[in-house]
Amino acid sequence: MGDLVRHLLFWAPMLAAAGRRVDPVPVAASEAEVSLDGWPQRLVAAHTDVTTAWSDPAAWTGTTSMGAPEQLPAPMVGGMVLGEFVLHGWDLARTGGVEPVWSDAVLAATAQAVDAMAGMGRDMGIVADAVPLSDDAPLLDRIVAASGRDPR
């Protein structure tokens, strides 16, 4: 759980900065160096900042960067942000013994984003092969499986 929280805290400023088109201010030099002191409050604040940045419709237009010089389509990065929130939210909830719930609209948008990006993630070695599920599996399970996680 600590590694997951460090990951979330490390990347949140970059995700927020991408939505605002500003240079990110890293919280540490690497994920491993992120402090876990006060992590629950810090995680809520970090994710509120990301949500605020991507709640602006302008964040979804044009191109943006995740801190690298290469520009990416903003809707692609916004989809990555949504996938990060739902998939890592699922990871965190399951680690804590909680069954996460999202609206149908959030899950539909997440499914679209994950489906669009999973192949690229597999090519980059950051997403495992999809876990086979039946076609009638719940949408959240299908999203999780498409990302290489086993929802069971």
Protein backbone atom coordinates (compact mmCIF):
# COMPACT_ATOMS: atom_id res chain seq x y z
CA MET A 1 0.00 0.00 0.00
CA GLY A 2 2.88 2.34 0.76
CA ASP A 3 4.27 1.95 -2.76
CA LEU A 4 0.86 2.74 -4.26
CA VAL A 5 0.43 5.84 -2.08
CA ARG A 6 3.94 7.01 -2.98
CA HIS A 7 3.09 6.53 -6.67
CA LEU A 8 -0.12 8.53 -6.33
CA LEU A 9 1.55 11.35 -4.40
CA PHE A 10 4.50 11.45 -6.81
CA TRP A 11 2.45 11.70 -10.00
CA ALA A 12 -0.41 13.94 -8.81
CA PRO A 13 1.51 17.23 -9.26
CA MET A 14 2.45 16.20 -12.81
CA LEU A 15 -1.14 15.29 -13.66
CA ALA A 16 -2.41 18.61 -12.27
CA ALA A 17 0.32 20.56 -14.07
CA ALA A 18 -0.57 18.86 -17.36
CA GLY A 19 -4.16 20.06 -16.98
CA ARG A 20 -3.01 23.61 -16.26
CA ARG A 21 -0.19 23.65 -18.87
CA VAL A 22 2.41 24.61 -16.27
CA ASP A 23 5.68 23.04 -15.21
CA PRO A 24 5.16 20.47 -12.45
CA VAL A 25 6.74 20.85 -9.03
CA PRO A 26 7.80 17.33 -8.00
CA VAL A 27 7.26 16.25 -4.41
CA ALA A 28 10.43 14.12 -4.47
CA ALA A 29 13.18 13.03 -6.83
CA SER A 30 11.61 9.58 -7.21
CA GLU A 31 8.56 7.63 -6.08
CA ALA A 32 10.69 5.75 -3.54
CA GLU A 33 11.65 9.05 -1.89
CA VAL A 34 8.08 10.27 -1.33
CA SER A 35 7.37 10.62 2.37
CA LEU A 36 4.30 8.91 3.76
CA ASP A 37 3.97 11.37 6.65
CA GLY A 38 0.36 12.57 6.78
CA TRP A 39 -0.39 10.70 3.57
CA PRO A 40 -4.21 10.49 3.88
CA GLN A 41 -4.63 14.28 4.01
CA ARG A 42 -1.90 14.84 1.44
CA LEU A 43 -3.48 12.35 -0.96
CA VAL A 44 -6.91 14.01 -0.68
CA ALA A 45 -5.33 17.43 -1.29
CA ALA A 46 -3.26 16.16 -4.23
CA HIS A 47 -6.23 14.48 -5.90
CA THR A 48 -8.42 17.53 -5.28
CA ASP A 49 -5.78 19.58 -7.10
CA VAL A 50 -5.75 17.17 -10.06
CA THR A 51 -9.55 17.13 -10.18
CA THR A 52 -9.68 20.93 -10.09
CA ALA A 53 -7.15 21.21 -12.92
CA TRP A 54 -8.98 18.75 -15.17
CA SER A 55 -12.44 20.16 -14.30
CA ASP A 56 -11.62 23.16 -16.47
CA PRO A 57 -12.91 22.40 -20.01
CA ALA A 58 -9.81 24.13 -21.43
CA ALA A 59 -7.66 21.33 -19.94
CA TRP A 60 -9.20 18.94 -22.49
CA THR A 61 -8.29 21.01 -25.55
CA GLY A 62 -5.14 21.18 -27.64
CA THR A 63 -2.00 19.49 -26.40
CA THR A 64 -0.20 19.20 -23.10
CA SER A 65 2.82 17.51 -21.57
CA MET A 66 3.43 15.21 -18.64
CA GLY A 67 6.70 17.00 -17.89
CA ALA A 68 8.55 15.72 -20.96
CA PRO A 69 9.20 17.89 -24.00
CA GLU A 70 6.82 15.83 -26.15
CA GLN A 71 3.32 17.22 -26.44
CA LEU A 72 0.38 14.82 -26.34
CA PRO A 73 -3.29 15.39 -27.19
CA ALA A 74 -4.93 16.78 -24.06
CA PRO A 75 -7.93 14.42 -24.34
CA MET A 76 -5.48 11.48 -24.29
CA VAL A 77 -3.77 12.80 -21.16
CA GLY A 78 -7.15 13.53 -19.56
CA GLY A 79 -8.15 9.94 -20.27
CA MET A 80 -4.93 8.78 -18.63
CA VAL A 81 -5.78 10.88 -15.58
CA LEU A 82 -9.24 9.35 -15.39
CA GLY A 83 -7.76 5.86 -15.76
CA GLU A 84 -5.23 6.61 -13.03
CA PHE A 85 -7.96 7.74 -10.66
CA VAL A 86 -10.26 4.78 -11.26
CA LEU A 87 -7.67 2.01 -11.57
CA HIS A 88 -5.47 3.18 -8.72
CA GLY A 89 -8.59 4.03 -6.74
CA TRP A 90 -9.62 0.40 -7.27
CA ASP A 91 -6.12 -0.74 -6.23
CA LEU A 92 -6.22 1.36 -3.07
CA ALA A 93 -9.78 0.39 -2.16
CA ARG A 94 -9.11 -3.31 -2.63
CA THR A 95 -5.91 -3.06 -0.60
CA GLY A 96 -7.96 -1.50 2.20
CA GLY A 97 -10.74 -4.09 1.93
CA VAL A 98 -13.26 -1.67 0.42
CA GLU A 99 -15.43 -2.32 -2.65
CA PRO A 100 -15.17 0.84 -4.78
CA VAL A 101 -18.17 2.30 -6.60
CA TRP A 102 -18.29 4.83 -9.46
CA SER A 103 -21.16 6.18 -11.52
CA ASP A 104 -22.04 4.57 -14.84
CA ALA A 105 -20.86 7.72 -16.64
CA VAL A 106 -17.43 7.63 -14.97
CA LEU A 107 -17.05 3.93 -15.72
CA ALA A 108 -18.09 4.36 -19.36
CA ALA A 109 -15.55 7.16 -19.87
CA THR A 110 -12.88 5.13 -18.08
CA ALA A 111 -13.58 2.06 -20.20
CA GLN A 112 -13.16 4.14 -23.34
CA ALA A 113 -9.87 5.64 -22.09
CA VAL A 114 -8.45 2.31 -20.91
CA ASP A 115 -9.43 0.55 -24.13
CA ALA A 116 -7.75 3.31 -26.16
CA MET A 117 -4.51 3.23 -24.16
CA ALA A 118 -4.04 -0.36 -22.96
CA GLY A 119 -2.26 -1.46 -26.14
CA MET A 120 0.25 1.37 -25.90
CA GLY A 121 0.74 0.60 -22.21
CA ARG A 122 1.44 -3.04 -23.04
CA ASP A 123 3.91 -2.00 -25.75
CA MET A 124 5.70 0.16 -23.17
CA GLY A 125 5.72 -2.65 -20.61
CA ILE A 126 3.68 -0.76 -18.02
CA VAL A 127 0.40 -2.68 -18.49
CA ALA A 128 0.10 -6.45 -18.31
CA ASP A 129 -1.91 -8.53 -20.76
CA ALA A 130 -5.66 -8.27 -20.35
CA VAL A 131 -7.21 -10.80 -17.99
CA PRO A 132 -9.93 -12.79 -19.79
CA LEU A 133 -13.47 -12.30 -18.45
CA SER A 134 -16.93 -13.14 -19.70
CA ASP A 135 -18.70 -10.52 -21.81
CA ASP A 136 -21.36 -10.16 -19.13
CA ALA A 137 -18.87 -9.27 -16.38
CA PRO A 138 -19.57 -5.93 -14.65
CA LEU A 139 -18.05 -2.92 -16.42
CA LEU A 140 -15.67 -2.15 -13.55
CA ASP A 141 -14.35 -5.72 -13.68
CA ARG A 142 -13.84 -5.39 -17.46
CA ILE A 143 -11.93 -2.12 -16.99
CA VAL A 144 -9.73 -3.67 -14.31
CA ALA A 145 -9.13 -6.75 -16.49
CA ALA A 146 -8.29 -4.64 -19.55
CA SER A 147 -5.57 -2.97 -17.49
CA GLY A 148 -3.96 -6.34 -16.73
CA ARG A 149 -5.36 -6.66 -13.20
CA ASP A 150 -7.43 -9.61 -12.08
CA PRO A 151 -10.71 -8.27 -10.65
CA ARG A 152 -11.28 -11.53 -8.79
